[in-house]
């Protein structure tokens, strides 16, 4: 069902796109919530949800809910039930527990087969790369920066790892001579930054292999990227979470290191020793 939604997404009317994106991004809610509740959360009418189901060849929205409910039962069979944290007394403690559990589940989901395959494919592309670039704006910028930091340990010889973008102090002209054999990791979550999309698209036109870390199978970055890692940015708080994106970067770097000819462990050791020699690290007074 998800594949069919993605396939038909571009040709849907605007309101149906909103409904389709909600279904793609919230499969558990589709399985568990009523159609009217889903419509309310998506910001569309319940008749729009009905039209979406019929567009997919189903008789009604309940048929779609049934498909997602069956998939949910199959994928979370054996998953331990969430404990009643809210009954432990302190409401602050309750909030910490709920948010921590949510983050843990989101990060754990990266190990599920479909997500793991995405990360493996992206790591294979990185392991074969020449120069590597990281790109991200606003909340995605620290993720791109962390990617460049960990990937720098795999650099060597003529291979360079560069953080691009105005925030990075390295203008977008750093990609001017990038081309085939190079790889750009672009990180972007809704609402998507225009600069990130435009730069990723231009890099792809130059033959650069684009890897996207983004939040939806219908994200504009997904259409540009050669490989895509989809992470959840939903949060139990009032802001979006970047923790799953950070975890994806570290998984990607670990897999790339395993596939690389560079001895990452030795490179890290050498780097730490050099930084220590420069007096970068704090030492307790003697």
Protein backbone atom coordinates (compact mmCIF):
# COMPACT_ATOMS: atom_id res chain seq x y z
CA UNK A 1 0.00 0.00 0.00
CA UNK A 2 2.80 2.42 0.87
CA UNK A 3 4.48 1.81 -2.48
CA UNK A 4 1.25 2.60 -4.30
CA UNK A 5 0.81 5.83 -2.32
CA UNK A 6 4.34 6.95 -3.21
CA UNK A 7 3.84 6.01 -6.86
CA UNK A 8 0.66 8.09 -7.17
CA UNK A 9 1.64 10.91 -4.83
CA UNK A 10 2.79 13.44 -7.45
CA UNK A 11 -0.45 13.18 -9.42
CA UNK A 12 -2.77 13.62 -6.43
CA UNK A 13 -4.71 16.85 -5.76
CA UNK A 14 -3.22 18.94 -2.92
CA UNK A 15 -5.62 17.76 -0.19
CA UNK A 16 -5.15 14.12 -1.11
CA UNK A 17 -1.39 14.65 -0.91
CA UNK A 18 -1.79 15.90 2.66
CA UNK A 19 -3.84 12.83 3.53
CA UNK A 20 -1.41 10.48 1.77
CA UNK A 21 1.58 11.98 3.56
CA UNK A 22 -0.14 11.46 6.90
CA UNK A 23 -0.75 7.79 6.07
CA UNK A 24 2.85 7.29 4.92
CA UNK A 25 4.37 9.03 7.93
CA UNK A 26 2.04 7.61 10.61
CA UNK A 27 1.32 3.95 9.79
CA UNK A 28 0.66 3.02 13.42
CA UNK A 29 -1.90 5.80 13.80
CA UNK A 30 -3.65 4.60 10.64
CA UNK A 31 -3.96 1.17 12.22
CA UNK A 32 -5.14 2.35 15.64
CA UNK A 33 -7.08 5.59 15.25
CA UNK A 34 -10.51 6.24 13.77
CA UNK A 35 -10.77 7.80 10.34
CA UNK A 36 -12.12 11.04 11.81
CA UNK A 37 -9.25 11.26 14.31
CA UNK A 38 -6.75 10.73 11.52
CA UNK A 39 -8.43 13.36 9.36
CA UNK A 40 -8.28 15.83 12.25
CA UNK A 41 -4.57 15.21 12.85
CA UNK A 42 -3.79 15.40 9.13
CA UNK A 43 -5.78 18.65 8.80
CA UNK A 44 -8.16 17.38 6.11
CA UNK A 45 -11.82 16.39 5.99
CA UNK A 46 -12.91 12.82 6.62
CA UNK A 47 -14.29 12.72 3.07
CA UNK A 48 -10.73 13.35 1.82
CA UNK A 49 -9.58 10.23 3.67
CA UNK A 50 -12.40 8.31 2.01
CA UNK A 51 -11.40 9.59 -1.44
CA UNK A 52 -7.81 8.53 -0.76
CA UNK A 53 -8.91 4.97 -0.01
CA UNK A 54 -11.01 4.81 -3.17
CA UNK A 55 -8.14 6.20 -5.22
CA UNK A 56 -6.15 3.17 -4.10
CA UNK A 57 -8.87 0.78 -5.23
CA UNK A 58 -10.38 0.15 -1.79
CA UNK A 59 -14.09 0.30 -1.02
CA UNK A 60 -13.63 2.48 2.04
CA UNK A 61 -11.17 3.78 4.59
CA UNK A 62 -11.87 0.92 6.97
CA UNK A 63 -10.27 -1.38 4.40
CA UNK A 64 -7.11 0.71 4.57
CA UNK A 65 -7.16 0.67 8.36
CA UNK A 66 -7.52 -3.11 8.25
CA UNK A 67 -4.46 -3.48 6.01
CA UNK A 68 -2.35 -1.30 8.30
CA UNK A 69 -3.66 -3.02 11.43
CA UNK A 70 -2.64 -6.41 10.06
CA UNK A 71 0.82 -5.09 9.15
CA UNK A 72 1.17 -3.60 12.63
CA UNK A 73 0.29 -6.90 14.29
CA UNK A 74 2.89 -8.69 12.19
CA UNK A 75 5.70 -6.18 12.79
CA UNK A 76 5.29 -5.59 16.52
CA UNK A 77 4.39 -9.09 17.59
CA UNK A 78 6.16 -9.70 20.85
CA UNK A 79 6.92 -6.02 21.48
CA UNK A 80 6.66 -5.36 25.22
CA UNK A 81 3.75 -3.19 26.24
CA UNK A 82 4.58 0.31 27.35
CA UNK A 83 4.51 0.56 31.10
CA UNK A 84 2.26 3.09 32.77
CA UNK A 85 4.88 5.71 33.46
CA UNK A 86 2.24 8.30 34.16
CA UNK A 87 1.31 6.35 37.30
CA UNK A 88 4.73 6.77 38.93
CA UNK A 89 3.81 10.02 40.61
CA UNK A 90 5.93 12.93 39.41
CA UNK A 91 4.58 14.43 36.15
CA UNK A 92 8.10 15.52 35.21
CA UNK A 93 9.29 11.96 35.60
CA UNK A 94 6.37 10.87 33.45
CA UNK A 95 7.38 13.26 30.67
CA UNK A 96 10.99 12.10 30.75
CA UNK A 97 9.89 8.48 30.55
CA UNK A 98 7.49 9.01 27.66
CA UNK A 99 9.96 11.06 25.61
CA UNK A 100 12.84 8.64 26.32
CA UNK A 101 10.71 5.63 25.37
CA UNK A 102 9.65 7.32 22.15
CA UNK A 103 13.23 8.17 21.17
CA UNK A 104 14.39 4.65 21.99
CA UNK A 105 11.66 3.15 19.81
CA UNK A 106 12.44 5.51 16.93
CA UNK A 107 16.15 4.72 17.03
CA UNK A 108 15.49 1.01 17.46
CA UNK A 109 13.32 1.05 14.33
CA UNK A 110 16.43 1.86 12.27
CA UNK A 111 17.39 -1.77 12.80
CA UNK A 112 14.22 -3.07 11.17
CA UNK A 113 14.85 -4.80 7.86
CA UNK A 114 13.62 -2.09 5.48
CA UNK A 115 15.47 0.68 7.31
CA UNK A 116 18.63 -1.38 7.72
CA UNK A 117 18.72 -2.13 4.00
CA UNK A 118 18.55 1.62 3.27
CA UNK A 119 21.52 2.27 5.55
CA UNK A 120 23.53 -0.60 4.06
CA UNK A 121 22.94 0.66 0.51
CA UNK A 122 23.99 4.19 1.51
CA UNK A 123 27.13 2.86 3.23
CA UNK A 124 28.06 0.91 0.10
CA UNK A 125 27.83 4.12 -1.93
CA UNK A 126 29.97 5.99 0.61
CA UNK A 127 32.59 3.24 0.75
CA UNK A 128 33.11 3.58 -3.03
CA UNK A 129 33.18 7.39 -2.94
CA UNK A 130 35.95 9.82 -3.69
CA UNK A 131 35.28 13.17 -1.97
CA UNK A 132 32.44 13.37 0.57
CA UNK A 133 30.27 16.38 1.46
CA UNK A 134 27.74 17.04 4.21
CA UNK A 135 24.83 19.45 3.80
CA UNK A 136 22.12 20.58 6.22
CA UNK A 137 20.48 23.78 7.45
CA UNK A 138 18.95 24.90 10.73
CA UNK A 139 18.19 21.85 12.91
CA UNK A 140 19.72 19.54 10.27
CA UNK A 141 23.03 21.40 10.32
CA UNK A 142 24.40 19.68 13.47
CA UNK A 143 23.57 16.29 11.94
CA UNK A 144 25.50 17.13 8.76
CA UNK A 145 28.35 18.49 10.88
CA UNK A 146 28.51 15.31 12.94
CA UNK A 147 28.54 13.25 9.74
CA UNK A 148 31.53 15.20 8.43
CA UNK A 149 33.31 14.84 11.76
CA UNK A 150 33.00 11.06 11.97
CA UNK A 151 33.65 10.55 8.24
CA UNK A 152 36.83 12.63 8.48
CA UNK A 153 38.43 9.67 10.27
CA UNK A 154 37.99 7.68 7.06
CA UNK A 155 39.60 10.36 4.92
CA UNK A 156 43.07 9.86 3.60
CA UNK A 157 45.18 10.36 0.56
CA UNK A 158 43.29 12.53 -1.93
CA UNK A 159 39.91 11.98 -0.27
CA UNK A 160 38.39 15.05 1.37
CA UNK A 161 35.38 15.35 3.67
CA UNK A 162 33.77 18.80 3.62
CA UNK A 163 30.85 20.48 5.35
CA UNK A 164 29.16 22.83 2.88
CA UNK A 165 26.70 25.66 3.29
CA UNK A 166 26.75 29.20 4.56
CA UNK A 167 26.58 28.12 8.21
CA UNK A 168 29.62 25.92 7.71
CA UNK A 169 31.89 28.75 6.63
CA UNK A 170 32.43 26.74 3.44
CA UNK A 171 30.34 28.31 0.71
CA UNK A 172 28.31 26.23 -1.66
CA UNK A 173 31.07 26.80 -4.22
CA UNK A 174 32.86 23.94 -2.44
CA UNK A 175 30.74 21.71 -4.66
CA UNK A 176 31.71 23.54 -7.82
CA UNK A 177 34.12 20.85 -8.99
CA UNK A 178 32.31 17.87 -7.46
CA UNK A 179 31.15 15.19 -9.86
CA UNK A 180 30.93 11.48 -10.50
CA UNK A 181 32.50 9.43 -7.75
CA UNK A 182 31.77 12.05 -5.11
CA UNK A 183 28.97 11.73 -2.56
CA UNK A 184 26.83 14.37 -0.84
CA UNK A 185 24.86 13.57 2.31
CA UNK A 186 21.88 15.95 2.47
CA UNK A 187 19.87 16.12 5.69
CA UNK A 188 16.43 17.72 5.68
CA UNK A 189 13.15 17.43 7.58
CA UNK A 190 9.82 19.15 7.02
CA UNK A 191 9.49 22.06 6.55
CA UNK A 192 12.28 21.59 4.01
CA UNK A 193 14.93 24.25 3.49
CA UNK A 194 14.95 25.54 -0.08
CA UNK A 195 18.75 25.83 -0.11
CA UNK A 196 19.21 22.19 0.86
CA UNK A 197 16.86 21.02 -1.89
CA UNK A 198 18.39 23.26 -4.54
CA UNK A 199 21.98 22.35 -3.68
CA UNK A 200 21.20 18.62 -3.57
CA UNK A 201 19.45 18.85 -6.94
CA UNK A 202 22.36 20.72 -8.52
CA UNK A 203 24.85 18.21 -7.08
CA UNK A 204 22.86 15.36 -8.59
CA UNK A 205 22.90 17.13 -11.98
CA UNK A 206 26.71 17.23 -11.72
CA UNK A 207 26.77 13.45 -11.24
CA UNK A 208 27.35 13.51 -7.47
CA UNK A 209 25.78 10.58 -5.66
CA UNK A 210 23.28 12.08 -3.22
CA UNK A 211 22.35 10.30 0.01
CA UNK A 212 19.37 11.76 1.85
CA UNK A 213 18.49 11.51 5.50
CA UNK A 214 14.93 12.74 5.60
CA UNK A 215 11.56 12.15 7.20
CA UNK A 216 9.28 10.82 4.48
CA UNK A 217 9.19 8.70 1.36
CA UNK A 218 7.60 11.70 -0.38
CA UNK A 219 10.18 14.22 0.86
CA UNK A 220 11.63 16.29 -2.01
CA UNK A 221 15.06 14.97 -1.06
CA UNK A 222 13.87 11.41 -1.70
CA UNK A 223 13.19 12.31 -5.33
CA UNK A 224 16.72 13.63 -5.76
CA UNK A 225 18.74 11.07 -3.81
CA UNK A 226 20.35 7.92 -5.12
CA UNK A 227 19.95 6.36 -1.66
CA UNK A 228 17.58 7.49 1.09
CA UNK A 229 17.46 6.81 4.82
CA UNK A 230 14.06 7.68 6.25
CA UNK A 231 13.95 8.59 9.93
CA UNK A 232 11.17 9.72 12.22
CA UNK A 233 11.31 13.29 13.49
CA UNK A 234 8.06 13.21 15.45
CA UNK A 235 8.41 14.02 19.12
CA UNK A 236 6.36 13.84 22.31
CA UNK A 237 7.55 17.37 22.90
CA UNK A 238 6.74 20.61 21.06
CA UNK A 239 9.76 20.42 18.73
CA UNK A 240 10.95 17.88 16.20
CA UNK A 241 13.54 15.35 17.29
CA UNK A 242 16.84 14.97 15.43
CA UNK A 243 18.02 12.05 17.59
CA UNK A 244 17.07 9.38 14.99
CA UNK A 245 18.94 11.34 12.30
CA UNK A 246 22.06 11.47 14.49
CA UNK A 247 21.75 7.72 15.08
CA UNK A 248 21.43 7.11 11.33
CA UNK A 249 24.66 9.06 10.74
CA UNK A 250 26.55 6.97 13.27
CA UNK A 251 25.21 3.71 11.83
CA UNK A 252 26.14 4.91 8.37
CA UNK A 253 29.68 5.81 9.46
CA UNK A 254 30.14 2.48 11.25
CA UNK A 255 29.08 0.49 8.19
CA UNK A 256 31.21 2.63 5.88
CA UNK A 257 34.23 2.09 8.11
CA UNK A 258 33.70 -1.66 7.96
CA UNK A 259 33.64 -1.48 4.16
CA UNK A 260 36.56 0.93 3.85
CA UNK A 261 40.21 0.12 3.34
CA UNK A 262 41.10 2.78 5.94
CA UNK A 263 41.86 1.59 9.44
CA UNK A 264 39.32 3.80 11.22
CA UNK A 265 40.43 2.71 14.70
CA UNK A 266 44.02 3.69 14.01
CA UNK A 267 42.94 6.99 12.44
CA UNK A 268 40.86 7.87 15.50
CA UNK A 269 43.78 7.02 17.78
CA UNK A 270 46.19 9.18 15.75
CA UNK A 271 43.74 12.07 15.71
CA UNK A 272 43.19 11.93 19.47
CA UNK A 273 46.94 11.87 20.09
CA UNK A 274 47.47 14.86 17.80
CA UNK A 275 44.72 16.87 19.46
CA UNK A 276 46.13 16.03 22.87
CA UNK A 277 49.55 17.22 21.74
CA UNK A 278 47.99 20.53 20.66
CA UNK A 279 46.54 20.95 24.12
CA UNK A 280 42.94 20.76 22.90
CA UNK A 281 41.75 18.64 25.82
CA UNK A 282 41.33 19.86 29.37
CA UNK A 283 43.59 18.32 31.97
CA UNK A 284 43.15 18.49 35.73
CA UNK A 285 45.68 20.73 37.51
CA UNK A 286 48.59 18.90 39.05
